[in-house]
Protein backbone atom coordinates (compact mmCIF):
# COMPACT_ATOMS: atom_id res chain seq x y z
CA LYS A 1 0.04 0.06 -0.20
CA GLN A 2 1.70 3.37 -0.80
CA PHE A 3 0.20 6.89 -0.34
CA SER A 4 1.98 10.19 -1.44
CA GLN A 5 0.84 13.89 -1.40
CA GLU A 6 2.63 16.93 -2.45
CA LEU A 7 1.39 20.67 -1.92
CA ARG A 8 3.13 23.42 -3.76
CA ALA A 9 2.74 27.12 -3.85
CA GLU A 10 4.44 29.54 -6.49
CA SER A 11 4.70 33.26 -7.29
CA ASN A 12 2.59 34.64 -10.13
CA TYR A 13 3.51 38.03 -10.46
CA ARG A 14 5.50 40.20 -12.42
CA GLY A 15 9.11 41.33 -11.25
CA PRO A 16 12.63 40.03 -11.00
CA LEU A 17 11.96 37.53 -8.04
CA GLN A 18 9.78 34.58 -8.58
CA TRP A 19 9.54 31.44 -5.98
CA ILE A 20 8.35 27.98 -5.32
CA GLY A 21 7.82 26.37 -1.92
CA GLY A 22 5.88 23.14 -1.03
CA LEU A 23 5.83 20.05 1.29
CA PHE A 24 5.67 16.49 0.23
CA PHE A 25 4.72 13.32 2.25
CA PHE A 26 4.99 9.49 1.25
CA ASN A 27 4.03 6.24 3.19
CA GLU A 28 4.34 2.73 2.11
CA LYS A 29 3.69 -0.44 3.41
CA ILE A 30 5.10 -3.70 1.88
CA GLN A 31 4.71 -7.59 2.84
CA ILE A 32 6.58 -10.01 0.87
CA ASP A 33 6.14 -13.95 0.95
CA SER A 34 9.29 -15.89 -0.32
CA VAL A 35 8.72 -19.61 -1.36
CA SER A 36 10.89 -21.50 -3.26
CA PHE A 37 10.74 -25.18 -4.68
CA ASN A 38 13.72 -27.72 -5.61
CA THR A 39 12.79 -28.17 -9.06
CA PHE A 40 15.58 -30.90 -9.35
CA ALA A 41 13.86 -33.16 -7.08
CA PRO A 42 11.07 -35.55 -7.79
CA GLY A 43 7.64 -34.16 -7.04
CA ASN A 44 9.02 -30.38 -6.98
CA PRO A 45 9.01 -30.24 -3.22
CA GLN A 46 8.91 -26.81 -1.23
CA ASN A 47 12.37 -25.76 0.08
CA PRO A 48 12.23 -25.40 4.22
CA ASN A 49 13.13 -21.43 3.90
CA TYR A 50 9.59 -19.82 3.45
CA ALA A 51 9.98 -16.38 4.65
CA VAL A 52 8.37 -13.13 5.18
CA GLN A 53 9.27 -9.62 5.08
CA PHE A 54 7.57 -6.41 6.30
CA GLN A 55 8.53 -3.04 5.45
CA ASP A 56 7.03 0.41 6.57
CA THR A 57 8.45 3.86 5.07
CA ARG A 58 7.51 7.20 6.09
CA SER A 59 8.95 10.09 4.39
CA TRP A 60 8.55 13.89 4.66
CA ALA A 61 10.19 16.92 2.98
CA ALA A 62 9.91 20.85 2.85
CA PHE A 63 11.26 22.47 -0.40
CA GLY A 64 11.79 26.12 -1.78
CA SER A 65 13.62 27.61 -4.70
CA LEU A 66 14.22 31.18 -5.73
CA ASN A 67 14.61 32.64 -9.37
CA TYR A 68 16.08 35.77 -9.86
CA THR A 69 16.51 38.16 -13.10
CA VAL A 70 19.95 39.82 -12.19
CA SER A 71 19.74 41.52 -15.81
CA ASP A 72 18.05 41.16 -19.26
CA LYS A 73 21.04 38.58 -19.53
CA LEU A 74 21.69 36.88 -16.65
CA LYS A 75 19.47 34.63 -14.42
CA VAL A 76 20.39 32.88 -11.09
CA ARG A 77 18.37 30.17 -9.23
CA GLY A 78 18.63 28.63 -5.93
CA GLY A 79 16.85 25.85 -4.08
CA MET A 80 16.94 23.86 -0.93
CA ARG A 81 15.00 20.76 0.60
CA TYR A 82 15.09 19.23 3.96
CA THR A 83 14.09 15.33 4.00
CA SER A 84 13.25 13.07 6.56
CA ASP A 85 13.04 9.30 5.93
CA LYS A 86 12.02 6.48 8.31
CA LYS A 87 12.04 2.74 7.65
CA GLU A 88 11.17 -0.31 9.81
CA PHE A 89 12.10 -3.65 8.55
CA ALA A 90 11.12 -6.75 9.82
CA ALA A 91 11.87 -10.41 8.06
CA SER A 92 11.22 -14.08 9.63
CA ARG A 93 12.08 -17.31 8.42
CA VAL A 94 8.76 -19.15 9.16
CA GLN A 95 9.79 -22.83 8.72
CA THR A 96 12.96 -22.74 10.75
CA ASP A 97 13.47 -23.96 14.22
CA GLY A 98 13.10 -20.90 16.47
CA ARG A 99 11.66 -18.84 13.80
CA THR A 100 14.54 -16.86 13.20
CA ASN A 101 13.52 -12.71 13.15
CA PHE A 102 15.61 -9.97 11.71
CA ASN A 103 14.73 -6.17 12.47
CA ILE A 104 16.25 -2.94 11.16
CA ASP A 105 15.01 0.09 11.81
CA ASN A 106 16.69 3.44 10.62
CA THR A 107 15.88 7.07 10.34
CA SER A 108 17.87 9.64 8.14
CA HIS A 109 17.76 13.25 7.62
CA ASN A 110 19.31 15.25 5.04
CA VAL A 111 19.22 18.87 3.38
CA SER A 112 20.18 19.12 -0.14
CA TRP A 113 20.50 22.16 -2.22
CA ASP A 114 21.46 23.54 -5.71
CA LEU A 115 22.77 26.66 -7.37
CA SER A 116 22.49 27.49 -10.91
CA GLY A 117 22.86 30.45 -13.45
CA THR A 118 22.25 31.25 -17.26
CA TYR A 119 24.08 33.98 -18.94
CA GLU A 120 22.57 35.12 -22.49
CA LEU A 121 25.71 35.76 -24.60
CA SER A 122 23.83 36.41 -27.72
CA LYS A 123 20.18 35.96 -28.64
CA SER A 124 20.90 32.39 -29.77
CA THR A 125 23.79 31.53 -27.22
CA ASN A 126 23.37 30.80 -23.65
CA LEU A 127 26.16 29.90 -21.00
CA PHE A 128 24.94 27.86 -17.95
CA THR A 129 26.66 26.48 -14.78
CA ARG A 130 25.19 24.26 -12.00
CA VAL A 131 26.19 22.82 -8.63
CA ALA A 132 24.13 20.59 -6.67
CA THR A 133 23.70 18.00 -4.20
CA GLY A 134 22.02 14.45 -4.38
CA TYR A 135 20.49 12.40 -1.71
CA ARG A 136 19.17 8.72 -1.93
CA ALA A 137 17.52 7.29 1.43
CA PRO A 138 19.20 4.10 3.21
CA SER A 139 17.96 1.05 1.54
CA MET A 140 17.61 -2.41 3.10
CA GLN A 141 17.54 -5.94 1.42
CA GLY A 142 15.84 -8.54 3.17
CA ARG A 143 16.20 -11.63 1.01
CA LEU A 144 16.39 -14.77 3.27
CA ASP A 145 16.85 -17.51 0.32
CA ASP A 146 18.54 -20.16 2.54
CA LEU A 147 19.06 -20.74 6.26
CA THR A 148 22.58 -18.90 6.48
CA SER A 149 21.56 -15.51 4.69
CA GLN A 150 20.76 -12.32 6.34
CA PRO A 151 18.99 -8.99 5.66
CA SER A 152 21.66 -6.51 4.38
CA PHE A 153 21.78 -2.73 4.97
CA ALA A 154 23.14 0.26 2.98
CA GLY A 155 23.04 3.93 4.52
CA ALA A 156 22.22 6.94 2.89
CA GLU A 157 23.93 7.72 -0.34
CA ARG A 158 25.02 11.60 -1.18
CA ALA A 159 26.58 13.31 -4.05
CA LEU A 160 27.95 16.42 -5.24
CA SER A 161 27.90 17.49 -8.79
CA TYR A 162 29.06 20.39 -10.75
CA GLU A 163 28.38 21.16 -14.48
CA ALA A 164 28.99 23.91 -16.91
CA GLY A 165 28.26 24.44 -20.82
CA ILE A 166 27.25 26.26 -23.69
CA LYS A 167 23.93 25.78 -25.81
CA GLN A 168 23.49 27.55 -29.26
CA ASP A 169 20.46 27.69 -31.71
CA LEU A 170 21.08 27.32 -35.23
CA PHE A 171 19.52 27.82 -38.37
CA GLU A 172 16.45 29.94 -37.22
CA LYS A 173 16.07 27.81 -34.13
CA ARG A 174 15.70 24.45 -36.21
CA ALA A 175 18.58 22.91 -34.54
CA ARG A 176 20.75 23.07 -31.33
CA LEU A 177 24.20 22.73 -30.14
CA SER A 178 25.24 21.99 -26.93
CA ALA A 179 28.37 21.05 -25.00
CA SER A 180 29.29 20.61 -21.24
CA VAL A 181 31.78 19.64 -18.73
CA PHE A 182 30.55 17.57 -15.79
CA GLN A 183 32.14 16.41 -12.45
CA TYR A 184 30.61 14.34 -9.57
CA ARG A 185 31.81 12.94 -6.23
CA MET A 186 29.72 10.23 -4.55
CA LYS A 187 29.62 9.22 -0.95
CA ASP A 188 28.44 5.80 0.76
CA LYS A 189 27.36 4.43 -2.80
CA GLN A 190 24.54 1.94 -2.59
CA LEU A 191 25.55 -1.28 -4.46
CA THR A 192 24.00 -4.63 -5.02
CA ALA A 193 26.18 -7.42 -5.30
CA GLY A 194 24.57 -10.48 -6.74
CA ASN A 195 25.48 -14.26 -6.60
CA GLY A 196 23.91 -16.55 -9.42
CA SER A 197 24.90 -19.75 -7.76
CA VAL A 198 22.55 -19.26 -4.84
CA ASN A 199 20.20 -16.33 -6.48
CA MET A 200 21.08 -14.08 -3.80
CA ASN A 201 21.22 -10.43 -3.59
CA GLN A 202 23.35 -8.11 -0.96
CA LEU A 203 23.61 -4.66 -0.66
CA ILE A 204 27.19 -3.30 0.04
């Protein structure tokens, strides 16, 4: 089950300063039942590793941005977003002795932002630049395919990027030529490692 809602307000008047502000809410509840069968054995028997998973996710954010026309040729923009994420995860091996249980709870907060500018070099050519941060909430991988596997967890992922370039309209705007340079740095990147021999995924 999933529910999301965004409320946004923005300016609507003449002037060099324009703004947007808003709130975002997200709620999700997931239940997964994992059953496997030994297709190589006579009668295709069920393997003794039936597992169930539950995950509740709640996220909300507040965001805003400002656009300012410095002159007829220069426009700048800045934005900011505060995000709060909370995840509650539980998994159980139903058919094993003792009913093995796993619980992972995590709360993460983040402030992301971006700054950009556009300069009109001529009526057909613009220069642009942007600096921005990125964020991905913590993730959980709860597959319990065998009696030794355990859920894996990856913390929040964050990135910082830089970009600058030029755009030019050609042939009375029938074509556009653009070029840019781009660089980014990522911290705590979330990766999924797979193992085909046991059909298992793990977050690293």
